[in-house]
Amino acid sequence: MVKIRLRRLGSRNQPTYRVVVAESASPREGRFIETLGHYNPLRQPALIVIDEEKALKWLRQGAQPTETARSLLAKQGIWQKFRAAAPAAPTPESSPAEASQVTE
């Protein structure tokens, strides 16, 4: 499974992170597929830079963001754009079989 997650950089007590696409089995600082952006939590306000086109491409291909990555995507407005463009799932009270029946 492919995940969108954070990769830690920086020295001790000075963390910075890269937002990357990686296999879920890869270690945190290990191999990754593509870099989407970076995040610096020590700045006030925190610096978040994410390439929207790349992130949306990977989300459409089925990459699952971690909880922290999802919150960063939401702060940038990328998660909302992805959810708005995603096809709506059928609700439990209206199944596809019921929708196809016409009542007169």
PDB file of N, CA and C in Angstrom:
ATOM      1  N   MET A   1       0.841  -1.178   0.000  1.00  0.00           N
ATOM      2  CA  MET A   1       0.000   0.000   0.000  1.00  0.00           C
ATOM      3  C   MET A   1       0.888   1.245   0.000  1.00  0.00           C
ATOM      4  N   VAL A   2       0.473   2.226  -0.752  1.00  0.00           N
ATOM      5  CA  VAL A   2       1.217   3.484  -0.845  1.00  0.00           C
ATOM      6  C   VAL A   2       0.616   4.485   0.139  1.00  0.00           C
ATOM      7  N   LYS A   3       1.489   5.161   0.881  1.00  0.00           N
ATOM      8  CA  LYS A   3       1.069   6.129   1.893  1.00  0.00           C
ATOM      9  C   LYS A   3       1.674   7.493   1.614  1.00  0.00           C
ATOM     10  N   ILE A   4       0.949   8.530   1.988  1.00  0.00           N
ATOM     11  CA  ILE A   4       1.491   9.885   2.025  1.00  0.00           C
ATOM     12  C   ILE A   4       1.814  10.139   3.493  1.00  0.00           C
ATOM     13  N   ARG A   5       3.079  10.392   3.789  1.00  0.00           N
ATOM     14  CA  ARG A   5       3.490  10.519   5.180  1.00  0.00           C
ATOM     15  C   ARG A   5       4.661  11.482   5.316  1.00  0.00           C
ATOM     16  N   LEU A   6       5.098  11.690   6.553  1.00  0.00           N
ATOM     17  CA  LEU A   6       6.201  12.604   6.829  1.00  0.00           C
ATOM     18  C   LEU A   6       7.508  11.831   6.959  1.00  0.00           C
ATOM     19  N   ARG A   7       8.574  12.429   6.448  1.00  0.00           N
ATOM     20  CA  ARG A   7       9.925  11.878   6.571  1.00  0.00           C
ATOM     21  C   ARG A   7      10.735  12.879   7.367  1.00  0.00           C
ATOM     22  N   ARG A   8      11.277  12.457   8.513  1.00  0.00           N
ATOM     23  CA  ARG A   8      11.964  13.383   9.422  1.00  0.00           C
ATOM     24  C   ARG A   8      13.364  13.709   8.927  1.00  0.00           C
ATOM     25  N   LEU A   9      13.684  14.992   8.980  1.00  0.00           N
ATOM     26  CA  LEU A   9      15.017  15.500   8.662  1.00  0.00           C
ATOM     27  C   LEU A   9      15.444  16.403   9.809  1.00  0.00           C
ATOM     28  N   GLY A  10      16.632  16.940   9.727  1.00  0.00           N
ATOM     29  CA  GLY A  10      17.087  17.883  10.739  1.00  0.00           C
ATOM     30  C   GLY A  10      17.836  17.204  11.864  1.00  0.00           C
ATOM     31  N   SER A  11      18.495  18.027  12.654  1.00  0.00           N
ATOM     32  CA  SER A  11      19.289  17.510  13.759  1.00  0.00           C
ATOM     33  C   SER A  11      18.424  17.330  15.006  1.00  0.00           C
ATOM     34  N   ARG A  12      19.058  16.894  16.060  1.00  0.00           N
ATOM     35  CA  ARG A  12      18.349  16.676  17.320  1.00  0.00           C
ATOM     36  C   ARG A  12      17.736  17.984  17.796  1.00  0.00           C
ATOM     37  N   ASN A  13      16.488  17.930  18.224  1.00  0.00           N
ATOM     38  CA  ASN A  13      15.709  19.074  18.704  1.00  0.00           C
ATOM     39  C   ASN A  13      15.449  20.135  17.639  1.00  0.00           C
ATOM     40  N   GLN A  14      15.749  19.856  16.384  1.00  0.00           N
ATOM     41  CA  GLN A  14      15.483  20.783  15.280  1.00  0.00           C
ATOM     42  C   GLN A  14      14.811  20.024  14.127  1.00  0.00           C
ATOM     43  N   PRO A  15      13.641  19.418  14.354  1.00  0.00           N
ATOM     44  CA  PRO A  15      13.051  18.594  13.306  1.00  0.00           C
ATOM     45  C   PRO A  15      12.453  19.428  12.174  1.00  0.00           C
ATOM     46  N   THR A  16      12.639  18.953  10.976  1.00  0.00           N
ATOM     47  CA  THR A  16      11.896  19.410   9.811  1.00  0.00           C
ATOM     48  C   THR A  16      11.451  18.138   9.106  1.00  0.00           C
ATOM     49  N   TYR A  17      10.417  18.245   8.313  1.00  0.00           N
ATOM     50  CA  TYR A  17       9.852  17.056   7.692  1.00  0.00           C
ATOM     51  C   TYR A  17       9.640  17.296   6.208  1.00  0.00           C
ATOM     52  N   ARG A  18       9.746  16.220   5.437  1.00  0.00           N
ATOM     53  CA  ARG A  18       9.343  16.232   4.045  1.00  0.00           C
ATOM     54  C   ARG A  18       8.062  15.429   3.947  1.00  0.00           C
ATOM     55  N   VAL A  19       7.125  15.903   3.153  1.00  0.00           N
ATOM     56  CA  VAL A  19       5.904  15.159   2.887  1.00  0.00           C
ATOM     57  C   VAL A  19       6.205  14.305   1.663  1.00  0.00           C
ATOM     58  N   VAL A  20       6.179  12.986   1.840  1.00  0.00           N
ATOM     59  CA  VAL A  20       6.575  12.072   0.770  1.00  0.00           C
ATOM     60  C   VAL A  20       5.511  11.010   0.524  1.00  0.00           C
ATOM     61  N   VAL A  21       5.611  10.389  -0.641  1.00  0.00           N
ATOM     62  CA  VAL A  21       4.812   9.218  -0.982  1.00  0.00           C
ATOM     63  C   VAL A  21       5.754   8.028  -0.858  1.00  0.00           C
ATOM     64  N   ALA A  22       5.382   7.037  -0.049  1.00  0.00           N
ATOM     65  CA  ALA A  22       6.254   5.890   0.189  1.00  0.00           C
ATOM     66  C   ALA A  22       5.424   4.633   0.394  1.00  0.00           C
ATOM     67  N   GLU A  23       6.060   3.502   0.181  1.00  0.00           N
ATOM     68  CA  GLU A  23       5.429   2.232   0.507  1.00  0.00           C
ATOM     69  C   GLU A  23       5.260   2.163   2.020  1.00  0.00           C
ATOM     70  N   SER A  24       4.173   1.575   2.477  1.00  0.00           N
ATOM     71  CA  SER A  24       3.918   1.525   3.920  1.00  0.00           C
ATOM     72  C   SER A  24       4.944   0.670   4.648  1.00  0.00           C
ATOM     73  N   ALA A  25       5.597  -0.261   3.965  1.00  0.00           N
ATOM     74  CA  ALA A  25       6.590  -1.124   4.605  1.00  0.00           C
ATOM     75  C   ALA A  25       7.949  -0.444   4.752  1.00  0.00           C
ATOM     76  N   SER A  26       8.170   0.677   4.088  1.00  0.00           N
ATOM     77  CA  SER A  26       9.459   1.372   4.163  1.00  0.00           C
ATOM     78  C   SER A  26       9.620   2.044   5.518  1.00  0.00           C
ATOM     79  N   PRO A  27      10.854   2.111   6.044  1.00  0.00           N
ATOM     80  CA  PRO A  27      11.068   2.817   7.311  1.00  0.00           C
ATOM     81  C   PRO A  27      10.851   4.327   7.164  1.00  0.00           C
ATOM     82  N   ARG A  28      10.701   5.017   8.289  1.00  0.00           N
ATOM     83  CA  ARG A  28      10.374   6.450   8.277  1.00  0.00           C
ATOM     84  C   ARG A  28      11.371   7.274   7.476  1.00  0.00           C
ATOM     85  N   GLU A  29      12.658   7.041   7.661  1.00  0.00           N
ATOM     86  CA  GLU A  29      13.670   7.784   6.918  1.00  0.00           C
ATOM     87  C   GLU A  29      14.183   6.990   5.722  1.00  0.00           C
ATOM     88  N   GLY A  30      13.465   5.945   5.334  1.00  0.00           N
ATOM     89  CA  GLY A  30      13.918   5.064   4.264  1.00  0.00           C
ATOM     90  C   GLY A  30      13.488   5.527   2.879  1.00  0.00           C
ATOM     91  N   ARG A  31      13.407   4.550   2.014  1.00  0.00           N
ATOM     92  CA  ARG A  31      13.107   4.777   0.609  1.00  0.00           C
ATOM     93  C   ARG A  31      11.724   5.387   0.427  1.00  0.00           C
ATOM     94  N   PHE A  32      11.604   6.295  -0.548  1.00  0.00           N
ATOM     95  CA  PHE A  32      10.324   6.899  -0.859  1.00  0.00           C
ATOM     96  C   PHE A  32      10.183   7.023  -2.369  1.00  0.00           C
ATOM     97  N   ILE A  33       8.969   7.251  -2.838  1.00  0.00           N
ATOM     98  CA  ILE A  33       8.687   7.311  -4.267  1.00  0.00           C
ATOM     99  C   ILE A  33       8.834   8.733  -4.794  1.00  0.00           C
ATOM    100  N   GLU A  34       8.200   9.698  -4.100  1.00  0.00           N
ATOM    101  CA  GLU A  34       8.223  11.083  -4.566  1.00  0.00           C
ATOM    102  C   GLU A  34       8.051  12.037  -3.386  1.00  0.00           C
ATOM    103  N   THR A  35       8.667  13.206  -3.498  1.00  0.00           N
ATOM    104  CA  THR A  35       8.512  14.254  -2.493  1.00  0.00           C
ATOM    105  C   THR A  35       7.392  15.189  -2.930  1.00  0.00           C
ATOM    106  N   LEU A  36       6.452  15.459  -2.018  1.00  0.00           N
ATOM    107  CA  LEU A  36       5.335  16.350  -2.316  1.00  0.00           C
ATOM    108  C   LEU A  36       5.544  17.752  -1.758  1.00  0.00           C
ATOM    109  N   GLY A  37       6.340  17.878  -0.711  1.00  0.00           N
ATOM    110  CA  GLY A  37       6.553  19.188  -0.100  1.00  0.00           C
ATOM    111  C   GLY A  37       7.343  19.067   1.180  1.00  0.00           C
ATOM    112  N   HIS A  38       7.276  20.105   2.003  1.00  0.00           N
ATOM    113  CA  HIS A  38       7.977  20.086   3.290  1.00  0.00           C
ATOM    114  C   HIS A  38       7.162  20.813   4.356  1.00  0.00           C
ATOM    115  N   TYR A  39       7.566  20.558   5.623  1.00  0.00           N
ATOM    116  CA  TYR A  39       6.849  21.066   6.789  1.00  0.00           C
ATOM    117  C   TYR A  39       7.863  21.390   7.872  1.00  0.00           C
ATOM    118  N   ASN A  40       7.807  22.608   8.395  1.00  0.00           N
ATOM    119  CA  ASN A  40       8.686  23.029   9.485  1.00  0.00           C
ATOM    120  C   ASN A  40       7.809  23.451  10.664  1.00  0.00           C
ATOM    121  N   PRO A  41       7.666  22.583  11.684  1.00  0.00           N
ATOM    122  CA  PRO A  41       6.792  22.898  12.809  1.00  0.00           C
ATOM    123  C   PRO A  41       7.375  23.917  13.780  1.00  0.00           C
ATOM    124  N   LEU A  42       8.674  24.213  13.692  1.00  0.00           N
ATOM    125  CA  LEU A  42       9.306  25.117  14.650  1.00  0.00           C
ATOM    126  C   LEU A  42       9.077  26.585  14.324  1.00  0.00           C
ATOM    127  N   ARG A  43       8.745  26.916  13.100  1.00  0.00           N
ATOM    128  CA  ARG A  43       8.483  28.309  12.746  1.00  0.00           C
ATOM    129  C   ARG A  43       7.128  28.727  13.304  1.00  0.00           C
ATOM    130  N   GLN A  44       6.982  29.996  13.575  1.00  0.00           N
ATOM    131  CA  GLN A  44       5.705  30.541  14.062  1.00  0.00           C
ATOM    132  C   GLN A  44       5.187  31.544  13.056  1.00  0.00           C
ATOM    133  N   PRO A  45       4.135  31.288  12.331  1.00  0.00           N
ATOM    134  CA  PRO A  45       3.369  30.036  12.272  1.00  0.00           C
ATOM    135  C   PRO A  45       4.140  28.957  11.515  1.00  0.00           C
ATOM    136  N   ALA A  46       3.728  27.715  11.697  1.00  0.00           N
ATOM    137  CA  ALA A  46       4.421  26.587  11.066  1.00  0.00           C
ATOM    138  C   ALA A  46       4.400  26.735   9.548  1.00  0.00           C
ATOM    139  N   LEU A  47       5.510  26.384   8.911  1.00  0.00           N
ATOM    140  CA  LEU A  47       5.648  26.478   7.465  1.00  0.00           C
ATOM    141  C   LEU A  47       5.215  25.167   6.826  1.00  0.00           C
ATOM    142  N   ILE A  48       4.215  25.232   5.957  1.00  0.00           N
ATOM    143  CA  ILE A  48       3.725  24.062   5.235  1.00  0.00           C
ATOM    144  C   ILE A  48       3.725  24.395   3.750  1.00  0.00           C
ATOM    145  N   VAL A  49       4.490  23.637   2.969  1.00  0.00           N
ATOM    146  CA  VAL A  49       4.536  23.827   1.517  1.00  0.00           C
ATOM    147  C   VAL A  49       4.309  22.459   0.884  1.00  0.00           C
ATOM    148  N   ILE A  50       3.191  22.315   0.156  1.00  0.00           N
ATOM    149  CA  ILE A  50       2.859  21.049  -0.494  1.00  0.00           C
ATOM    150  C   ILE A  50       2.433  21.351  -1.926  1.00  0.00           C
ATOM    151  N   ASP A  51       2.976  20.599  -2.889  1.00  0.00           N
ATOM    152  CA  ASP A  51       2.602  20.732  -4.293  1.00  0.00           C
ATOM    153  C   ASP A  51       1.211  20.122  -4.483  1.00  0.00           C
ATOM    154  N   GLU A  52       0.229  20.973  -4.735  1.00  0.00           N
ATOM    155  CA  GLU A  52      -1.170  20.545  -4.799  1.00  0.00           C
ATOM    156  C   GLU A  52      -1.413  19.549  -5.935  1.00  0.00           C
ATOM    157  N   GLU A  53      -0.848  19.790  -7.106  1.00  0.00           N
ATOM    158  CA  GLU A  53      -1.075  18.904  -8.247  1.00  0.00           C
ATOM    159  C   GLU A  53      -0.545  17.497  -7.977  1.00  0.00           C
ATOM    160  N   LYS A  54       0.667  17.411  -7.434  1.00  0.00           N
ATOM    161  CA  LYS A  54       1.243  16.102  -7.131  1.00  0.00           C
ATOM    162  C   LYS A  54       0.423  15.378  -6.061  1.00  0.00           C
ATOM    163  N   ALA A  55       0.011  16.112  -5.028  1.00  0.00           N
ATOM    164  CA  ALA A  55      -0.752  15.494  -3.940  1.00  0.00           C
ATOM    165  C   ALA A  55      -2.089  14.964  -4.451  1.00  0.00           C
ATOM    166  N   LEU A  56      -2.798  15.759  -5.252  1.00  0.00           N
ATOM    167  CA  LEU A  56      -4.074  15.302  -5.790  1.00  0.00           C
ATOM    168  C   LEU A  56      -3.897  14.107  -6.719  1.00  0.00           C
ATOM    169  N   LYS A  57      -2.816  14.092  -7.496  1.00  0.00           N
ATOM    170  CA  LYS A  57      -2.539  12.962  -8.384  1.00  0.00           C
ATOM    171  C   LYS A  57      -2.397  11.677  -7.585  1.00  0.00           C
ATOM    172  N   TRP A  58      -1.613  11.725  -6.495  1.00  0.00           N
ATOM    173  CA  TRP A  58      -1.402  10.525  -5.694  1.00  0.00           C
ATOM    174  C   TRP A  58      -2.662  10.119  -4.933  1.00  0.00           C
ATOM    175  N   LEU A  59      -3.436  11.083  -4.454  1.00  0.00           N
ATOM    176  CA  LEU A  59      -4.679  10.748  -3.761  1.00  0.00           C
ATOM    177  C   LEU A  59      -5.658  10.067  -4.720  1.00  0.00           C
ATOM    178  N   ARG A  60      -5.734  10.546  -5.963  1.00  0.00           N
ATOM    179  CA  ARG A  60      -6.619   9.928  -6.961  1.00  0.00           C
ATOM    180  C   ARG A  60      -6.165   8.515  -7.300  1.00  0.00           C
ATOM    181  N   GLN A  61      -4.868   8.258  -7.202  1.00  0.00           N
ATOM    182  CA  GLN A  61      -4.342   6.925  -7.499  1.00  0.00           C
ATOM    183  C   GLN A  61      -4.481   5.973  -6.314  1.00  0.00           C
ATOM    184  N   GLY A  62      -4.984   6.455  -5.194  1.00  0.00           N
ATOM    185  CA  GLY A  62      -5.270   5.586  -4.059  1.00  0.00           C
ATOM    186  C   GLY A  62      -4.291   5.662  -2.906  1.00  0.00           C
ATOM    187  N   ALA A  63      -3.369   6.612  -2.904  1.00  0.00           N
ATOM    188  CA  ALA A  63      -2.446   6.760  -1.781  1.00  0.00           C
ATOM    189  C   ALA A  63      -3.222   7.184  -0.539  1.00  0.00           C
ATOM    190  N   GLN A  64      -2.923   6.550   0.595  1.00  0.00           N
ATOM    191  CA  GLN A  64      -3.618   6.838   1.846  1.00  0.00           C
ATOM    192  C   GLN A  64      -2.752   7.731   2.721  1.00  0.00           C
ATOM    193  N   PRO A  65      -3.212   8.942   3.065  1.00  0.00           N
ATOM    194  CA  PRO A  65      -2.412   9.797   3.951  1.00  0.00           C
ATOM    195  C   PRO A  65      -2.486   9.327   5.399  1.00  0.00           C
ATOM    196  N   THR A  66      -1.388   9.512   6.127  1.00  0.00           N
ATOM    197  CA  THR A  66      -1.416   9.248   7.559  1.00  0.00           C
ATOM    198  C   THR A  66      -2.237  10.354   8.216  1.00  0.00           C
ATOM    199  N   GLU A  67      -2.526  10.208   9.485  1.00  0.00           N
ATOM    200  CA  GLU A  67      -3.343  11.194  10.194  1.00  0.00           C
ATOM    201  C   GLU A  67      -2.694  12.584  10.166  1.00  0.00           C
ATOM    202  N   THR A  68      -1.392  12.638  10.404  1.00  0.00           N
ATOM    203  CA  THR A  68      -0.679  13.916  10.402  1.00  0.00           C
ATOM    204  C   THR A  68      -0.622  14.508   9.003  1.00  0.00           C
ATOM    205  N   ALA A  69      -0.344  13.676   8.012  1.00  0.00           N
ATOM    206  CA  ALA A  69      -0.296  14.156   6.631  1.00  0.00           C
ATOM    207  C   ALA A  69      -1.674  14.659   6.194  1.00  0.00           C
ATOM    208  N   ARG A  70      -2.725  13.982   6.615  1.00  0.00           N
ATOM    209  CA  ARG A  70      -4.076  14.414   6.266  1.00  0.00           C
ATOM    210  C   ARG A  70      -4.388  15.777   6.878  1.00  0.00           C
ATOM    211  N   SER A  71      -3.937  16.010   8.111  1.00  0.00           N
ATOM    212  CA  SER A  71      -4.193  17.307   8.736  1.00  0.00           C
ATOM    213  C   SER A  71      -3.429  18.415   8.011  1.00  0.00           C
ATOM    214  N   LEU A  72      -2.213  18.117   7.535  1.00  0.00           N
ATOM    215  CA  LEU A  72      -1.457  19.119   6.771  1.00  0.00           C
ATOM    216  C   LEU A  72      -2.134  19.387   5.425  1.00  0.00           C
ATOM    217  N   LEU A  73      -2.621  18.331   4.780  1.00  0.00           N
ATOM    218  CA  LEU A  73      -3.345  18.506   3.513  1.00  0.00           C
ATOM    219  C   LEU A  73      -4.615  19.319   3.735  1.00  0.00           C
ATOM    220  N   ALA A  74      -5.277  19.093   4.855  1.00  0.00           N
ATOM    221  CA  ALA A  74      -6.496  19.842   5.164  1.00  0.00           C
ATOM    222  C   ALA A  74      -6.194  21.317   5.419  1.00  0.00           C
ATOM    223  N   LYS A  75      -5.096  21.611   6.094  1.00  0.00           N
ATOM    224  CA  LYS A  75      -4.726  23.006   6.353  1.00  0.00           C
ATOM    225  C   LYS A  75      -4.424  23.747   5.059  1.00  0.00           C
ATOM    226  N   GLN A  76      -3.931  23.031   4.054  1.00  0.00           N
ATOM    227  CA  GLN A  76      -3.634  23.640   2.763  1.00  0.00           C
ATOM    228  C   GLN A  76      -4.856  23.660   1.846  1.00  0.00           C
ATOM    229  N   GLY A  77      -5.942  22.988   2.232  1.00  0.00           N
ATOM    230  CA  GLY A  77      -7.157  22.947   1.428  1.00  0.00           C
ATOM    231  C   GLY A  77      -7.152  21.854   0.371  1.00  0.00           C
ATOM    232  N   ILE A  78      -6.112  21.034   0.333  1.00  0.00           N
ATOM    233  CA  ILE A  78      -5.993  19.988  -0.681  1.00  0.00           C
ATOM    234  C   ILE A  78      -6.939  18.832  -0.369  1.00  0.00           C
ATOM    235  N   TRP A  79      -7.064  18.474   0.896  1.00  0.00           N
ATOM    236  CA  TRP A  79      -7.933  17.354   1.277  1.00  0.00           C
ATOM    237  C   TRP A  79      -9.391  17.667   0.933  1.00  0.00           C
ATOM    238  N   GLN A  80      -9.831  18.894   1.146  1.00  0.00           N
ATOM    239  CA  GLN A  80     -11.209  19.262   0.830  1.00  0.00           C
ATOM    240  C   GLN A  80     -11.452  19.190  -0.674  1.00  0.00           C
ATOM    241  N   LYS A  81     -10.485  19.624  -1.479  1.00  0.00           N
ATOM    242  CA  LYS A  81     -10.635  19.540  -2.938  1.00  0.00           C
ATOM    243  C   LYS A  81     -10.731  18.092  -3.387  1.00  0.00           C
ATOM    244  N   PHE A  82      -9.939  17.225  -2.771  1.00  0.00           N
ATOM    245  CA  PHE A  82      -9.983  15.805  -3.120  1.00  0.00           C
ATOM    246  C   PHE A  82     -11.323  15.207  -2.736  1.00  0.00           C
ATOM    247  N   ARG A  83     -11.810  15.497  -1.530  1.00  0.00           N
ATOM    248  CA  ARG A  83     -13.096  14.943  -1.085  1.00  0.00           C
ATOM    249  C   ARG A  83     -14.258  15.467  -1.909  1.00  0.00           C
ATOM    250  N   ALA A  84     -14.189  16.728  -2.344  1.00  0.00           N
ATOM    251  CA  ALA A  84     -15.262  17.300  -3.158  1.00  0.00           C
ATOM    252  C   ALA A  84     -15.286  16.673  -4.545  1.00  0.00           C
ATOM    253  N   ALA A  85     -14.138  16.311  -5.091  1.00  0.00           N
ATOM    254  CA  ALA A  85     -14.059  15.730  -6.426  1.00  0.00           C
ATOM    255  C   ALA A  85     -14.325  14.230  -6.420  1.00  0.00           C
ATOM    256  N   ALA A  86     -14.218  13.575  -5.256  1.00  0.00           N
ATOM    257  CA  ALA A  86     -14.429  12.128  -5.173  1.00  0.00           C
ATOM    258  C   ALA A  86     -15.907  11.814  -5.381  1.00  0.00           C
ATOM    259  N   PRO A  87     -16.203  10.709  -6.071  1.00  0.00           N
ATOM    260  CA  PRO A  87     -17.613  10.342  -6.264  1.00  0.00           C
ATOM    261  C   PRO A  87     -18.261  10.000  -4.930  1.00  0.00           C
ATOM    262  N   ALA A  88     -19.486  10.418  -4.755  1.00  0.00           N
ATOM    263  CA  ALA A  88     -20.199  10.188  -3.498  1.00  0.00           C
ATOM    264  C   ALA A  88     -20.566   8.719  -3.364  1.00  0.00           C
ATOM    265  N   ALA A  89     -20.361   8.167  -2.197  1.00  0.00           N
ATOM    266  CA  ALA A  89     -20.721   6.777  -1.930  1.00  0.00           C
ATOM    267  C   ALA A  89     -22.230   6.701  -1.713  1.00  0.00           C
ATOM    268  N   PRO A  90     -22.869   5.610  -2.135  1.00  0.00           N
ATOM    269  CA  PRO A  90     -24.318   5.502  -1.920  1.00  0.00           C
ATOM    270  C   PRO A  90     -24.637   5.427  -0.435  1.00  0.00           C
ATOM    271  N   THR A  91     -25.698   6.075  -0.044  1.00  0.00           N
ATOM    272  CA  THR A  91     -26.097   6.068   1.361  1.00  0.00           C
ATOM    273  C   THR A  91     -26.804   4.751   1.676  1.00  0.00           C
ATOM    274  N   PRO A  92     -26.779   4.295   2.916  1.00  0.00           N
ATOM    275  CA  PRO A  92     -27.384   3.003   3.258  1.00  0.00           C
ATOM    276  C   PRO A  92     -28.884   2.943   2.992  1.00  0.00           C
ATOM    277  N   GLU A  93     -29.596   4.066   3.152  1.00  0.00           N
ATOM    278  CA  GLU A  93     -31.047   4.028   2.969  1.00  0.00           C
ATOM    279  C   GLU A  93     -31.460   4.003   1.499  1.00  0.00           C
ATOM    280  N   SER A  94     -30.574   4.372   0.574  1.00  0.00           N
ATOM    281  CA  SER A  94     -30.924   4.328  -0.840  1.00  0.00           C
ATOM    282  C   SER A  94     -29.927   3.437  -1.576  1.00  0.00           C
ATOM    283  N   SER A  95     -30.312   2.187  -1.764  1.00  0.00           N
ATOM    284  CA  SER A  95     -29.442   1.262  -2.477  1.00  0.00           C
ATOM    285  C   SER A  95     -29.630   1.444  -3.974  1.00  0.00           C
ATOM    286  N   PRO A  96     -28.673   1.041  -4.805  1.00  0.00           N
ATOM    287  CA  PRO A  96     -28.796   1.195  -6.257  1.00  0.00           C
ATOM    288  C   PRO A  96     -30.002   0.457  -6.827  1.00  0.00           C
ATOM    289  N   ALA A  97     -30.392  -0.689  -6.249  1.00  0.00           N
ATOM    290  CA  ALA A  97     -31.545  -1.440  -6.741  1.00  0.00           C
ATOM    291  C   ALA A  97     -32.832  -0.642  -6.528  1.00  0.00           C
ATOM    292  N   GLU A  98     -32.942   0.029  -5.386  1.00  0.00           N
ATOM    293  CA  GLU A  98     -34.127   0.827  -5.109  1.00  0.00           C
ATOM    294  C   GLU A  98     -34.189   2.060  -5.997  1.00  0.00           C
ATOM    295  N   ALA A  99     -33.049   2.628  -6.309  1.00  0.00           N
ATOM    296  CA  ALA A  99     -33.013   3.825  -7.129  1.00  0.00           C
ATOM    297  C   ALA A  99     -33.437   3.541  -8.557  1.00  0.00           C
ATOM    298  N   SER A 100     -33.194   2.313  -9.052  1.00  0.00           N
ATOM    299  CA  SER A 100     -33.538   1.993 -10.420  1.00  0.00           C
ATOM    300  C   SER A 100     -35.022   1.679 -10.597  1.00  0.00           C
ATOM    301  N   GLN A 101     -35.735   1.374  -9.523  1.00  0.00           N
ATOM    302  CA  GLN A 101     -37.157   1.084  -9.595  1.00  0.00           C
ATOM    303  C   GLN A 101     -37.959   2.383  -9.662  1.00  0.00           C
ATOM    304  N   VAL A 102     -38.908   2.408 -10.575  1.00  0.00           N
ATOM    305  CA  VAL A 102     -39.748   3.577 -10.723  1.00  0.00           C
ATOM    306  C   VAL A 102     -41.121   3.262 -10.141  1.00  0.00           C
ATOM    307  N   THR A 103     -41.598   4.108  -9.247  1.00  0.00           N
ATOM    308  CA  THR A 103     -42.917   3.892  -8.640  1.00  0.00           C
ATOM    309  C   THR A 103     -43.927   4.799  -9.313  1.00  0.00           C
ATOM    310  N   GLU A 104     -45.095   4.260  -9.538  1.00  0.00           N
ATOM    311  CA  GLU A 104     -46.156   5.053 -10.183  1.00  0.00           C
ATOM    312  C   GLU A 104     -47.358   5.124  -9.318  1.00  0.00           C
TER     313      GLU A 104
END
